[in-house]
Amino acid sequence: MSYAPVTFVSPSNGGSATEAQVSAGLLGLCLQSQQKGDAMPPLFPHQPKPIRVLIVDDHAGYAASLTAILSGNPRLVVVGRAVDGLDAVELSRLLCPDVVVMDVKMPRLDGFSASRLIRRDREDVRIVIVSGEPRPDHPSRARQAGADVYLPKDVDFDTLTNVVAGETSGEEPGTFSVAFATAI
């Protein structure tokens, strides 16, 4: 099994790289290996595989807070952030996350439509839809879009971290959970 070399563009070699570009370079190998049918070799075979998370939210403050909170869990690693649904679909293809945490209301493509496209490409990814403005139709729309879990954004970060880590609500692929949706 062989993998193509990856060249990173950094300030030291004349360019700059965003967090997503670096993550795509490091973890984009999973897409290449999936296409070949190879398994990615474990970096640390004695440790459990971390859960790779893609955060999709157009509110920079919420996305940064969520990144910091989720990164505090040793089982989770945030591999990228997208600011709209179109970027989410592209980064999901490049980064092969295990979990996508997706806002509902975003520019260019909303979270429901992006979830539908991501689910079409990848049946194995867990999609957690969050909303700052929950509405009664959101849980059913999330389910129809292929999401595994629907949460209001005002849920506490410990609960959200546990849901993303698969410790509560919607652990099994193919099940749907409306977790702690008190605002609807």
N, C-alpha and C. Protein backbone atom coordinates (compact mmCIF):
# COMPACT_ATOMS: atom_id res chain seq x y z
N MET A 1 0.85 -1.16 0.00
CA MET A 1 0.00 0.00 0.00
C MET A 1 0.90 1.22 0.00
N SER A 2 0.57 2.20 -0.87
CA SER A 2 1.37 3.41 -0.93
C SER A 2 0.46 4.62 -1.00
N TYR A 3 0.94 5.73 -0.47
CA TYR A 3 0.18 6.96 -0.45
C TYR A 3 0.99 8.05 -1.12
N ALA A 4 0.30 8.93 -1.83
CA ALA A 4 0.97 10.04 -2.50
C ALA A 4 1.53 10.99 -1.47
N PRO A 5 2.70 11.57 -1.73
CA PRO A 5 3.25 12.54 -0.79
C PRO A 5 2.39 13.78 -0.75
N VAL A 6 2.35 14.42 0.41
CA VAL A 6 1.56 15.64 0.60
C VAL A 6 2.53 16.78 0.87
N THR A 7 2.40 17.87 0.12
CA THR A 7 3.22 19.05 0.33
C THR A 7 2.37 20.12 0.97
N PHE A 8 2.80 20.66 2.09
CA PHE A 8 2.08 21.71 2.78
C PHE A 8 2.66 23.06 2.40
N VAL A 9 1.79 24.02 2.20
CA VAL A 9 2.20 25.38 1.91
C VAL A 9 2.18 26.13 3.23
N SER A 10 3.28 26.65 3.65
CA SER A 10 3.36 27.34 4.92
C SER A 10 4.14 28.63 4.76
N PRO A 11 4.06 29.52 5.77
CA PRO A 11 4.83 30.76 5.66
C PRO A 11 6.32 30.51 5.45
N SER A 12 6.83 29.41 5.96
CA SER A 12 8.26 29.15 5.84
C SER A 12 8.66 28.75 4.41
N ASN A 13 7.70 28.25 3.62
CA ASN A 13 8.07 27.91 2.24
C ASN A 13 7.34 28.79 1.22
N GLY A 14 6.93 30.00 1.66
CA GLY A 14 6.42 30.99 0.73
C GLY A 14 4.92 31.11 0.62
N GLY A 15 4.16 30.41 1.40
CA GLY A 15 2.72 30.50 1.31
C GLY A 15 2.08 30.51 2.68
N SER A 16 0.81 30.28 2.71
CA SER A 16 0.11 30.17 3.99
C SER A 16 -0.93 29.07 3.86
N ALA A 17 -1.23 28.43 4.96
CA ALA A 17 -2.20 27.34 4.94
C ALA A 17 -3.23 27.59 6.03
N THR A 18 -4.50 27.38 5.69
CA THR A 18 -5.55 27.50 6.68
C THR A 18 -5.60 26.18 7.47
N GLU A 19 -6.31 26.23 8.59
CA GLU A 19 -6.50 25.02 9.39
C GLU A 19 -7.14 23.92 8.55
N ALA A 20 -8.14 24.29 7.73
CA ALA A 20 -8.82 23.29 6.90
C ALA A 20 -7.89 22.69 5.86
N GLN A 21 -7.00 23.52 5.26
CA GLN A 21 -6.08 23.00 4.26
C GLN A 21 -5.09 22.02 4.88
N VAL A 22 -4.58 22.35 6.05
CA VAL A 22 -3.65 21.44 6.73
C VAL A 22 -4.37 20.15 7.09
N SER A 23 -5.58 20.28 7.66
CA SER A 23 -6.36 19.09 7.99
C SER A 23 -6.64 18.26 6.76
N ALA A 24 -6.98 18.95 5.65
CA ALA A 24 -7.26 18.22 4.42
C ALA A 24 -6.02 17.47 3.95
N GLY A 25 -4.85 18.08 4.10
CA GLY A 25 -3.62 17.42 3.70
C GLY A 25 -3.33 16.20 4.55
N LEU A 26 -3.54 16.34 5.85
CA LEU A 26 -3.26 15.23 6.76
C LEU A 26 -4.30 14.12 6.65
N LEU A 27 -5.56 14.52 6.63
CA LEU A 27 -6.61 13.52 6.70
C LEU A 27 -7.24 13.22 5.35
N GLY A 28 -6.90 13.99 4.32
CA GLY A 28 -7.39 13.71 2.99
C GLY A 28 -6.91 12.36 2.48
N LEU A 29 -5.87 11.84 3.12
CA LEU A 29 -5.39 10.51 2.76
C LEU A 29 -6.47 9.46 2.96
N CYS A 30 -7.40 9.72 3.89
CA CYS A 30 -8.45 8.72 4.12
C CYS A 30 -9.31 8.57 2.89
N LEU A 31 -9.58 9.67 2.18
CA LEU A 31 -10.37 9.59 0.96
C LEU A 31 -9.63 8.78 -0.09
N GLN A 32 -8.33 9.04 -0.22
CA GLN A 32 -7.51 8.32 -1.18
C GLN A 32 -7.50 6.83 -0.84
N SER A 33 -7.36 6.50 0.42
CA SER A 33 -7.31 5.09 0.80
C SER A 33 -8.67 4.43 0.67
N GLN A 34 -9.77 5.19 0.92
CA GLN A 34 -11.10 4.62 0.74
C GLN A 34 -11.33 4.26 -0.71
N GLN A 35 -10.87 5.12 -1.62
CA GLN A 35 -11.06 4.86 -3.04
C GLN A 35 -10.30 3.62 -3.47
N LYS A 36 -9.14 3.37 -2.87
CA LYS A 36 -8.35 2.19 -3.19
C LYS A 36 -8.83 0.95 -2.45
N GLY A 37 -9.64 1.17 -1.39
CA GLY A 37 -10.08 0.05 -0.58
C GLY A 37 -9.10 -0.30 0.52
N ASP A 38 -8.06 0.52 0.72
CA ASP A 38 -7.08 0.29 1.78
C ASP A 38 -7.59 0.86 3.09
N ALA A 39 -7.11 0.34 4.17
CA ALA A 39 -7.37 0.93 5.47
C ALA A 39 -6.20 1.85 5.81
N MET A 40 -6.52 2.98 6.45
CA MET A 40 -5.44 3.88 6.87
C MET A 40 -4.64 3.19 7.97
N PRO A 41 -3.33 3.22 7.88
CA PRO A 41 -2.54 2.62 8.94
C PRO A 41 -2.65 3.45 10.21
N PRO A 42 -2.83 2.83 11.36
CA PRO A 42 -2.94 3.60 12.60
C PRO A 42 -1.61 4.25 12.96
N LEU A 43 -1.69 5.49 13.44
CA LEU A 43 -0.47 6.18 13.88
C LEU A 43 0.00 5.63 15.22
N PHE A 44 -0.95 5.37 16.11
CA PHE A 44 -0.65 4.83 17.43
C PHE A 44 -1.57 3.63 17.65
N PRO A 45 -1.16 2.45 17.22
CA PRO A 45 -2.06 1.29 17.23
C PRO A 45 -2.55 0.89 18.62
N HIS A 46 -1.85 1.27 19.67
CA HIS A 46 -2.25 0.89 21.03
C HIS A 46 -3.33 1.82 21.59
N GLN A 47 -3.62 2.93 20.93
CA GLN A 47 -4.64 3.86 21.40
C GLN A 47 -5.88 3.75 20.53
N PRO A 48 -7.07 3.97 21.15
CA PRO A 48 -8.29 3.93 20.34
C PRO A 48 -8.28 5.06 19.31
N LYS A 49 -8.90 4.80 18.19
CA LYS A 49 -8.97 5.79 17.12
C LYS A 49 -9.79 6.99 17.61
N PRO A 50 -9.26 8.21 17.46
CA PRO A 50 -10.04 9.38 17.87
C PRO A 50 -11.23 9.58 16.95
N ILE A 51 -12.24 10.23 17.46
CA ILE A 51 -13.42 10.57 16.68
C ILE A 51 -13.15 11.91 16.02
N ARG A 52 -13.16 11.91 14.68
CA ARG A 52 -12.85 13.13 13.94
C ARG A 52 -14.13 13.92 13.70
N VAL A 53 -14.09 15.23 14.02
CA VAL A 53 -15.28 16.07 13.99
C VAL A 53 -15.10 17.24 13.03
N LEU A 54 -16.10 17.49 12.22
CA LEU A 54 -16.17 18.67 11.36
C LEU A 54 -17.25 19.58 11.94
N ILE A 55 -16.91 20.84 12.23
CA ILE A 55 -17.86 21.81 12.76
C ILE A 55 -18.29 22.73 11.63
N VAL A 56 -19.61 22.90 11.49
CA VAL A 56 -20.16 23.73 10.41
C VAL A 56 -21.08 24.77 11.02
N ASP A 57 -20.62 26.02 11.04
CA ASP A 57 -21.42 27.11 11.62
C ASP A 57 -20.90 28.43 11.09
N ASP A 58 -21.82 29.32 10.72
CA ASP A 58 -21.39 30.61 10.20
C ASP A 58 -21.14 31.64 11.29
N HIS A 59 -21.41 31.31 12.53
CA HIS A 59 -21.11 32.21 13.65
C HIS A 59 -19.75 31.83 14.22
N ALA A 60 -18.76 32.69 13.96
CA ALA A 60 -17.37 32.38 14.34
C ALA A 60 -17.22 32.15 15.84
N GLY A 61 -17.92 32.92 16.65
CA GLY A 61 -17.80 32.78 18.10
C GLY A 61 -18.30 31.43 18.59
N TYR A 62 -19.45 30.98 18.08
CA TYR A 62 -19.97 29.68 18.47
C TYR A 62 -19.06 28.57 17.98
N ALA A 63 -18.60 28.67 16.74
CA ALA A 63 -17.72 27.64 16.17
C ALA A 63 -16.41 27.55 16.95
N ALA A 64 -15.85 28.70 17.32
CA ALA A 64 -14.60 28.70 18.10
C ALA A 64 -14.82 28.11 19.49
N SER A 65 -15.92 28.46 20.13
CA SER A 65 -16.23 27.90 21.45
C SER A 65 -16.42 26.40 21.37
N LEU A 66 -17.17 25.96 20.37
CA LEU A 66 -17.42 24.53 20.20
C LEU A 66 -16.11 23.79 19.92
N THR A 67 -15.25 24.37 19.10
CA THR A 67 -13.95 23.77 18.82
C THR A 67 -13.14 23.60 20.10
N ALA A 68 -13.09 24.64 20.91
CA ALA A 68 -12.33 24.59 22.16
C ALA A 68 -12.90 23.54 23.12
N ILE A 69 -14.22 23.50 23.24
CA ILE A 69 -14.86 22.55 24.17
C ILE A 69 -14.64 21.11 23.70
N LEU A 70 -14.90 20.84 22.42
CA LEU A 70 -14.74 19.48 21.92
C LEU A 70 -13.28 19.03 21.95
N SER A 71 -12.36 19.95 21.72
CA SER A 71 -10.94 19.61 21.75
C SER A 71 -10.46 19.25 23.14
N GLY A 72 -11.24 19.61 24.16
CA GLY A 72 -10.90 19.24 25.53
C GLY A 72 -11.19 17.78 25.85
N ASN A 73 -11.92 17.10 24.98
CA ASN A 73 -12.21 15.69 25.17
C ASN A 73 -11.14 14.88 24.43
N PRO A 74 -10.38 14.04 25.13
CA PRO A 74 -9.30 13.30 24.47
C PRO A 74 -9.76 12.33 23.38
N ARG A 75 -11.05 11.99 23.36
CA ARG A 75 -11.56 11.08 22.33
C ARG A 75 -11.92 11.80 21.04
N LEU A 76 -11.94 13.15 21.09
CA LEU A 76 -12.40 13.93 19.94
C LEU A 76 -11.26 14.77 19.37
N VAL A 77 -11.24 14.91 18.05
CA VAL A 77 -10.31 15.82 17.39
C VAL A 77 -11.09 16.57 16.30
N VAL A 78 -11.06 17.89 16.39
CA VAL A 78 -11.73 18.72 15.39
C VAL A 78 -10.79 18.81 14.19
N VAL A 79 -11.26 18.29 13.05
CA VAL A 79 -10.40 18.23 11.86
C VAL A 79 -10.64 19.38 10.90
N GLY A 80 -11.72 20.13 11.10
CA GLY A 80 -11.99 21.25 10.23
C GLY A 80 -13.22 22.01 10.64
N ARG A 81 -13.34 23.21 10.06
CA ARG A 81 -14.51 24.06 10.29
C ARG A 81 -14.95 24.65 8.96
N ALA A 82 -16.25 24.67 8.75
CA ALA A 82 -16.83 25.25 7.55
C ALA A 82 -17.82 26.33 7.98
N VAL A 83 -18.00 27.34 7.12
CA VAL A 83 -18.88 28.45 7.46
C VAL A 83 -20.22 28.40 6.74
N ASP A 84 -20.38 27.44 5.84
CA ASP A 84 -21.67 27.29 5.16
C ASP A 84 -21.82 25.85 4.67
N GLY A 85 -23.00 25.55 4.16
CA GLY A 85 -23.30 24.19 3.74
C GLY A 85 -22.47 23.69 2.58
N LEU A 86 -22.18 24.55 1.62
CA LEU A 86 -21.37 24.11 0.48
C LEU A 86 -19.96 23.72 0.92
N ASP A 87 -19.36 24.54 1.79
CA ASP A 87 -18.04 24.19 2.32
C ASP A 87 -18.11 22.90 3.14
N ALA A 88 -19.21 22.70 3.85
CA ALA A 88 -19.37 21.48 4.65
C ALA A 88 -19.34 20.24 3.78
N VAL A 89 -20.05 20.28 2.66
CA VAL A 89 -20.09 19.12 1.76
C VAL A 89 -18.69 18.84 1.22
N GLU A 90 -17.98 19.89 0.80
CA GLU A 90 -16.64 19.71 0.25
C GLU A 90 -15.66 19.20 1.32
N LEU A 91 -15.69 19.81 2.50
CA LEU A 91 -14.76 19.38 3.56
C LEU A 91 -15.09 17.97 4.06
N SER A 92 -16.36 17.61 4.05
CA SER A 92 -16.73 16.25 4.44
C SER A 92 -16.12 15.24 3.49
N ARG A 93 -16.10 15.57 2.21
CA ARG A 93 -15.48 14.67 1.22
C ARG A 93 -13.97 14.61 1.40
N LEU A 94 -13.35 15.75 1.69
CA LEU A 94 -11.89 15.79 1.82
C LEU A 94 -11.38 15.22 3.13
N LEU A 95 -12.08 15.52 4.23
CA LEU A 95 -11.56 15.20 5.56
C LEU A 95 -12.07 13.89 6.13
N CYS A 96 -13.14 13.35 5.57
CA CYS A 96 -13.72 12.09 6.05
C CYS A 96 -13.97 12.10 7.57
N PRO A 97 -14.72 13.09 8.08
CA PRO A 97 -14.98 13.11 9.52
C PRO A 97 -15.88 11.96 9.94
N ASP A 98 -15.80 11.61 11.21
CA ASP A 98 -16.70 10.61 11.77
C ASP A 98 -18.03 11.25 12.16
N VAL A 99 -17.96 12.53 12.57
CA VAL A 99 -19.13 13.28 13.02
C VAL A 99 -19.10 14.67 12.40
N VAL A 100 -20.26 15.14 11.94
CA VAL A 100 -20.42 16.51 11.47
C VAL A 100 -21.42 17.19 12.39
N VAL A 101 -21.00 18.30 13.01
CA VAL A 101 -21.90 19.12 13.83
C VAL A 101 -22.29 20.30 12.95
N MET A 102 -23.58 20.39 12.59
CA MET A 102 -24.03 21.30 11.54
C MET A 102 -25.13 22.24 12.04
N ASP A 103 -24.91 23.54 11.82
CA ASP A 103 -25.94 24.54 12.09
C ASP A 103 -27.03 24.42 11.03
N VAL A 104 -28.23 24.90 11.35
CA VAL A 104 -29.34 24.86 10.40
C VAL A 104 -29.27 26.04 9.44
N LYS A 105 -29.22 27.24 9.99
CA LYS A 105 -29.34 28.46 9.19
C LYS A 105 -27.95 28.99 8.83
N MET A 106 -27.61 28.88 7.54
CA MET A 106 -26.30 29.33 7.06
C MET A 106 -26.44 29.88 5.65
N PRO A 107 -25.49 30.71 5.23
CA PRO A 107 -25.53 31.21 3.85
C PRO A 107 -25.19 30.11 2.84
N ARG A 108 -25.54 30.35 1.62
CA ARG A 108 -25.27 29.52 0.44
C ARG A 108 -26.02 28.20 0.44
N LEU A 109 -25.99 27.44 1.53
CA LEU A 109 -26.69 26.16 1.59
C LEU A 109 -27.00 25.88 3.05
N ASP A 110 -28.27 25.66 3.37
CA ASP A 110 -28.64 25.44 4.77
C ASP A 110 -28.20 24.07 5.26
N GLY A 111 -28.28 23.87 6.56
CA GLY A 111 -27.81 22.64 7.18
C GLY A 111 -28.58 21.40 6.77
N PHE A 112 -29.88 21.54 6.53
CA PHE A 112 -30.67 20.39 6.10
C PHE A 112 -30.23 19.91 4.71
N SER A 113 -30.09 20.86 3.78
CA SER A 113 -29.67 20.50 2.43
C SER A 113 -28.26 19.93 2.41
N ALA A 114 -27.36 20.55 3.19
CA ALA A 114 -25.99 20.05 3.26
C ALA A 114 -25.96 18.65 3.87
N SER A 115 -26.76 18.41 4.89
CA SER A 115 -26.83 17.08 5.52
C SER A 115 -27.27 16.03 4.51
N ARG A 116 -28.26 16.39 3.71
CA ARG A 116 -28.77 15.46 2.69
C ARG A 116 -27.65 15.08 1.71
N LEU A 117 -26.87 16.08 1.27
CA LEU A 117 -25.78 15.80 0.32
C LEU A 117 -24.66 14.98 0.97
N ILE A 118 -24.33 15.31 2.21
CA ILE A 118 -23.29 14.56 2.93
C ILE A 118 -23.74 13.11 3.13
N ARG A 119 -24.98 12.93 3.53
CA ARG A 119 -25.50 11.57 3.76
C ARG A 119 -25.50 10.77 2.46
N ARG A 120 -25.78 11.41 1.34
CA ARG A 120 -25.77 10.72 0.04
C ARG A 120 -24.38 10.16 -0.26
N ASP A 121 -23.33 10.94 0.11
CA ASP A 121 -21.95 10.52 -0.12
C ASP A 121 -21.46 9.50 0.90
N ARG A 122 -21.89 9.68 2.16
CA ARG A 122 -21.32 8.88 3.24
C ARG A 122 -22.41 8.44 4.21
N GLU A 123 -22.73 7.17 4.17
CA GLU A 123 -23.74 6.63 5.08
C GLU A 123 -23.21 6.47 6.50
N ASP A 124 -21.89 6.37 6.65
CA ASP A 124 -21.31 6.05 7.95
C ASP A 124 -21.08 7.27 8.85
N VAL A 125 -21.18 8.49 8.33
CA VAL A 125 -20.92 9.67 9.14
C VAL A 125 -22.12 9.97 10.03
N ARG A 126 -21.85 10.38 11.29
CA ARG A 126 -22.91 10.82 12.19
C ARG A 126 -23.11 12.31 11.98
N ILE A 127 -24.34 12.71 11.78
CA ILE A 127 -24.66 14.13 11.59
C ILE A 127 -25.49 14.61 12.77
N VAL A 128 -24.96 15.64 13.45
CA VAL A 128 -25.65 16.26 14.57
C VAL A 128 -26.04 17.67 14.12
N ILE A 129 -27.33 17.90 14.00
CA ILE A 129 -27.81 19.23 13.59
C ILE A 129 -28.14 20.03 14.84
N VAL A 130 -27.64 21.28 14.86
CA VAL A 130 -27.91 22.20 15.97
C VAL A 130 -28.59 23.45 15.41
N SER A 131 -29.43 24.06 16.24
CA SER A 131 -30.12 25.27 15.79
C SER A 131 -30.22 26.28 16.91
N GLY A 132 -29.90 27.53 16.57
CA GLY A 132 -30.05 28.63 17.51
C GLY A 132 -31.47 29.16 17.53
N GLU A 133 -32.27 28.80 16.56
CA GLU A 133 -33.66 29.23 16.46
C GLU A 133 -34.53 28.00 16.20
N PRO A 134 -34.64 27.10 17.21
CA PRO A 134 -35.41 25.86 16.99
C PRO A 134 -36.87 26.15 16.63
N ARG A 135 -37.38 25.35 15.69
CA ARG A 135 -38.77 25.44 15.28
C ARG A 135 -39.38 24.04 15.37
N PRO A 136 -40.69 23.95 15.51
CA PRO A 136 -41.33 22.64 15.65
C PRO A 136 -41.05 21.68 14.50
N ASP A 137 -40.82 22.19 13.28
CA ASP A 137 -40.58 21.31 12.14
C ASP A 137 -39.12 20.88 11.99
N HIS A 138 -38.21 21.45 12.78
CA HIS A 138 -36.79 21.13 12.64
C HIS A 138 -36.46 19.66 12.88
N PRO A 139 -36.95 19.02 13.95
CA PRO A 139 -36.59 17.61 14.13
C PRO A 139 -36.99 16.71 12.95
N SER A 140 -38.20 16.92 12.43
CA SER A 140 -38.62 16.07 11.30
C SER A 140 -37.81 16.40 10.04
N ARG A 141 -37.49 17.68 9.82
CA ARG A 141 -36.66 18.04 8.67
C ARG A 141 -35.25 17.48 8.82
N ALA A 142 -34.72 17.49 10.04
CA ALA A 142 -33.39 16.92 10.28
C ALA A 142 -33.39 15.42 9.99
N ARG A 143 -34.43 14.74 10.45
CA ARG A 143 -34.54 13.30 10.21
C ARG A 143 -34.62 13.01 8.72
N GLN A 144 -35.44 13.78 8.00
CA GLN A 144 -35.59 13.59 6.55
C GLN A 144 -34.29 13.87 5.81
N ALA A 145 -33.47 14.76 6.35
CA ALA A 145 -32.19 15.11 5.72
C ALA A 145 -31.10 14.08 6.01
N GLY A 146 -31.39 13.12 6.89
CA GLY A 146 -30.42 12.08 7.20
C GLY A 146 -29.61 12.32 8.45
N ALA A 147 -30.00 13.31 9.25
CA ALA A 147 -29.27 13.57 10.50
C ALA A 147 -29.55 12.46 11.51
N ASP A 148 -28.61 12.29 12.43
CA ASP A 148 -28.75 11.29 13.49
C ASP A 148 -29.31 11.91 14.77
N VAL A 149 -28.97 13.18 15.00
CA VAL A 149 -29.36 13.86 16.23
C VAL A 149 -29.72 15.30 15.91
N TYR A 150 -30.72 15.82 16.60
CA TYR A 150 -31.08 17.23 16.52
C TYR A 150 -31.01 17.82 17.93
N LEU A 151 -30.33 18.97 18.05
CA LEU A 151 -30.18 19.65 19.34
C LEU A 151 -30.37 21.16 19.17
N PRO A 152 -30.98 21.81 20.16
CA PRO A 152 -30.94 23.28 20.16
C PRO A 152 -29.55 23.72 20.58
N LYS A 153 -29.11 24.89 20.09
CA LYS A 153 -27.77 25.38 20.42
C LYS A 153 -27.61 25.71 21.90
N ASP A 154 -28.72 25.95 22.59
CA ASP A 154 -28.59 26.32 24.00
C ASP A 154 -28.41 25.12 24.93
N VAL A 155 -28.26 23.93 24.36
CA VAL A 155 -27.95 22.76 25.18
C VAL A 155 -26.55 22.97 25.79
N ASP A 156 -26.35 22.47 27.00
CA ASP A 156 -25.04 22.69 27.63
C ASP A 156 -23.95 21.93 26.87
N PHE A 157 -22.74 22.48 26.93
CA PHE A 157 -21.63 21.91 26.15
C PHE A 157 -21.26 20.49 26.59
N ASP A 158 -21.46 20.15 27.88
CA ASP A 158 -21.18 18.78 28.30
C ASP A 158 -22.09 17.80 27.58
N THR A 159 -23.36 18.15 27.48
CA THR A 159 -24.31 17.28 26.78
C THR A 159 -23.94 17.17 25.31
N LEU A 160 -23.63 18.30 24.68
CA LEU A 160 -23.25 18.27 23.28
C LEU A 160 -21.99 17.44 23.06
N THR A 161 -21.02 17.60 23.95
CA THR A 161 -19.78 16.81 23.84
C THR A 161 -20.09 15.32 23.95
N ASN A 162 -20.95 14.94 24.89
CA ASN A 162 -21.31 13.53 25.04
C ASN A 162 -22.04 13.00 23.81
N VAL A 163 -22.90 13.81 23.22
CA VAL A 163 -23.62 13.39 22.01
C VAL A 163 -22.62 13.21 20.85
N VAL A 164 -21.71 14.16 20.68
CA VAL A 164 -20.72 14.06 19.60
C VAL A 164 -19.83 12.84 19.79
N ALA A 165 -19.46 12.57 21.04
CA ALA A 165 -18.60 11.42 21.33
C ALA A 165 -19.36 10.09 21.26
N GLY A 166 -20.68 10.16 21.06
CA GLY A 166 -21.48 8.94 20.95
C GLY A 166 -21.79 8.30 22.27
N GLU A 167 -21.65 9.06 23.36
CA GLU A 167 -21.90 8.50 24.69
C GLU A 167 -23.38 8.55 25.06
N THR A 168 -24.14 9.43 24.40
CA THR A 168 -25.59 9.51 24.62
C THR A 168 -26.26 9.89 23.32
N SER A 169 -27.51 9.49 23.18
CA SER A 169 -28.39 9.91 22.09
C SER A 169 -27.84 9.69 20.69
N GLY A 170 -28.40 8.72 20.02
CA GLY A 170 -28.08 8.48 18.61
C GLY A 170 -26.76 7.79 18.39
N GLU A 171 -26.33 6.93 19.34
CA GLU A 171 -25.04 6.27 19.19
C GLU A 171 -24.99 5.34 17.99
N GLU A 172 -26.08 4.68 17.72
CA GLU A 172 -26.10 3.69 16.64
C GLU A 172 -26.42 4.35 15.31
N PRO A 173 -25.63 4.10 14.28
CA PRO A 173 -25.95 4.64 12.96
C PRO A 173 -27.35 4.20 12.55
N GLY A 174 -28.09 5.10 11.93
CA GLY A 174 -29.43 4.76 11.48
C GLY A 174 -30.52 5.07 12.49
N THR A 175 -30.16 5.44 13.73
CA THR A 175 -31.16 5.84 14.69
C THR A 175 -31.21 7.35 14.73
N PHE A 176 -32.36 7.89 15.08
CA PHE A 176 -32.51 9.35 15.14
C PHE A 176 -32.93 9.72 16.54
N SER A 177 -32.37 10.82 17.03
CA SER A 177 -32.68 11.26 18.37
C SER A 177 -32.89 12.75 18.40
N VAL A 178 -33.97 13.17 19.02
CA VAL A 178 -34.17 14.59 19.31
C VAL A 178 -33.78 14.72 20.77
N ALA A 179 -32.57 15.17 21.00
CA ALA A 179 -32.02 15.19 22.35
C ALA A 179 -32.23 16.55 23.00
N PHE A 180 -32.86 16.54 24.13
CA PHE A 180 -32.98 17.73 24.96
C PHE A 180 -33.56 18.91 24.20
N ALA A 181 -34.54 18.65 23.34
CA ALA A 181 -35.11 19.70 22.51
C ALA A 181 -36.21 20.43 23.26
N THR A 182 -35.87 21.03 24.40
CA THR A 182 -36.86 21.69 25.24
C THR A 182 -37.36 22.98 24.63
N ALA A 183 -36.62 23.57 23.72
CA ALA A 183 -37.00 24.86 23.16
C ALA A 183 -38.05 24.74 22.06
N ILE A 184 -38.40 23.52 21.65
CA ILE A 184 -39.39 23.41 20.57
C ILE A 184 -40.72 22.92 21.10
